[in-house]
C-alpha atoms as a PDB file:
ATOM      1  CA  MET A   1      63.282  43.302 -25.060  1.00  0.00           C
ATOM      2  CA  LYS A   2      60.974  40.357 -24.299  1.00  0.00           C
ATOM      3  CA  THR A   3      61.716  38.873 -27.713  1.00  0.00           C
ATOM      4  CA  LEU A   4      65.465  39.033 -27.119  1.00  0.00           C
ATOM      5  CA  LEU A   5      65.081  37.444 -23.687  1.00  0.00           C
ATOM      6  CA  GLY A   6      62.875  34.703 -25.173  1.00  0.00           C
ATOM      7  CA  ILE A   7      65.429  33.913 -27.878  1.00  0.00           C
ATOM      8  CA  PHE A   8      68.182  33.784 -25.265  1.00  0.00           C
ATOM      9  CA  LEU A   9      66.168  31.421 -23.038  1.00  0.00           C
ATOM     10  CA  VAL A  10      65.305  29.084 -25.921  1.00  0.00           C
ATOM     11  CA  ALA A  11      68.952  28.974 -27.053  1.00  0.00           C
ATOM     12  CA  THR A  12      70.114  28.272 -23.497  1.00  0.00           C
ATOM     13  CA  LEU A  13      67.528  25.511 -23.065  1.00  0.00           C
ATOM     14  CA  PHE A  14      68.587  23.950 -26.363  1.00  0.00           C
ATOM     15  CA  LEU A  15      72.269  24.030 -25.376  1.00  0.00           C
ATOM     16  CA  VAL A  16      71.629  22.528 -21.922  1.00  0.00           C
ATOM     17  CA  THR A  17      69.442  19.755 -23.378  1.00  0.00           C
ATOM     18  CA  PHE A  18      71.964  18.931 -26.107  1.00  0.00           C
ATOM     19  CA  SER A  19      74.820  18.837 -23.578  1.00  0.00           C
ATOM     20  CA  TYR A  20      72.843  16.523 -21.286  1.00  0.00           C
ATOM     21  CA  LEU A  21      72.068  14.128 -24.133  1.00  0.00           C
ATOM     22  CA  GLU A  22      75.757  14.139 -25.129  1.00  0.00           C
ATOM     23  CA  THR A  23      76.788  12.987 -21.632  1.00  0.00           C
ATOM     24  CA  LYS A  24      74.466   9.973 -21.916  1.00  0.00           C
ATOM     25  CA  LYS A  25      76.042   8.911 -25.240  1.00  0.00           C
ATOM     26  CA  ASP A  26      78.823   6.318 -25.473  1.00  0.00           C
ATOM     27  CA  PRO A  27      82.052   8.313 -26.033  1.00  0.00           C
ATOM     28  CA  TYR A  28      83.326   5.770 -28.592  1.00  0.00           C
ATOM     29  CA  GLU A  29      80.086   5.445 -30.564  1.00  0.00           C
ATOM     30  CA  VAL A  30      80.691   6.123 -34.247  1.00  0.00           C
ATOM     31  CA  GLY A  31      79.302   9.514 -35.229  1.00  0.00           C
ATOM     32  CA  ASN A  32      79.480  13.196 -34.393  1.00  0.00           C
ATOM     33  CA  HIS A  33      80.019  14.396 -30.838  1.00  0.00           C
ATOM     34  CA  LEU A  34      80.187  17.956 -29.508  1.00  0.00           C
ATOM     35  CA  ASP A  35      83.923  18.535 -29.955  1.00  0.00           C
ATOM     36  CA  TYR A  36      85.147  15.495 -31.903  1.00  0.00           C
ATOM     37  CA  ASN A  37      84.062  12.828 -34.387  1.00  0.00           C
ATOM     38  CA  VAL A  38      84.434   9.064 -34.067  1.00  0.00           C
ATOM     39  CA  LYS A  39      85.043   7.160 -37.288  1.00  0.00           C
ATOM     40  CA  SER A  40      85.511   3.532 -38.210  1.00  0.00           C
ATOM     41  CA  ILE A  41      88.349   2.959 -40.661  1.00  0.00           C
ATOM     42  CA  ASN A  42      89.032  -0.629 -41.753  1.00  0.00           C
ATOM     43  CA  GLY A  43      87.056  -1.938 -38.771  1.00  0.00           C
ATOM     44  CA  PHE A  44      89.009   0.013 -36.146  1.00  0.00           C
ATOM     45  CA  ILE A  45      87.829   3.061 -34.192  1.00  0.00           C
ATOM     46  CA  TYR A  46      89.529   6.441 -34.668  1.00  0.00           C
ATOM     47  CA  ILE A  47      88.803   9.798 -33.046  1.00  0.00           C
ATOM     48  CA  SER A  48      88.988  12.688 -35.480  1.00  0.00           C
ATOM     49  CA  ALA A  49      90.484  15.685 -33.708  1.00  0.00           C
ATOM     50  CA  ASP A  50      91.329  19.100 -35.170  1.00  0.00           C
ATOM     51  CA  ARG A  51      94.568  17.996 -36.816  1.00  0.00           C
ATOM     52  CA  GLY A  52      94.064  14.343 -37.705  1.00  0.00           C
ATOM     53  CA  TYR A  53      93.041  10.926 -36.462  1.00  0.00           C
ATOM     54  CA  ILE A  54      93.940   9.233 -33.197  1.00  0.00           C
ATOM     55  CA  GLN A  55      93.451   5.478 -32.923  1.00  0.00           C
ATOM     56  CA  VAL A  56      91.547   4.345 -29.834  1.00  0.00           C
ATOM     57  CA  LEU A  57      93.442   1.692 -27.874  1.00  0.00           C
ATOM     58  CA  ASN A  58      92.311  -0.710 -25.177  1.00  0.00           C
ATOM     59  CA  SER A  59      94.108  -0.815 -21.824  1.00  0.00           C
ATOM     60  CA  ASP A  60      96.444  -3.553 -23.089  1.00  0.00           C
ATOM     61  CA  GLY A  61      97.437  -1.536 -26.173  1.00  0.00           C
ATOM     62  CA  THR A  62      95.388  -3.401 -28.774  1.00  0.00           C
ATOM     63  CA  PRO A  63      93.278  -1.310 -31.169  1.00  0.00           C
ATOM     64  CA  LEU A  64      89.550  -1.010 -30.438  1.00  0.00           C
ATOM     65  CA  LYS A  65      87.464  -2.791 -33.070  1.00  0.00           C
ATOM     66  CA  LYS A  66      84.101  -1.554 -34.265  1.00  0.00           C
ATOM     67  CA  GLY A  67      81.234  -3.092 -32.300  1.00  0.00           C
ATOM     68  CA  HIS A  68      83.351  -3.956 -29.246  1.00  0.00           C
ATOM     69  CA  LYS A  69      83.428  -2.213 -25.869  1.00  0.00           C
ATOM     70  CA  ILE A  70      86.650  -0.616 -24.658  1.00  0.00           C
ATOM     71  CA  TYR A  71      88.378  -2.362 -21.753  1.00  0.00           C
END
């Protein structure tokens, strides 16, 4: 019983720590995130969802380029 409780506590601690670190990460940084991936295709940023890619746009409708901050 103690072993099962220990495994549960370690798994919970790992999940909480990983979730906290994910919140500190830039949401448009290229790489894997918890529930989506961000990819750079031809110098533009795309979010890879379950069914395809969605291009990330700035507030004025222009595509977000790799290395730039969203505005």
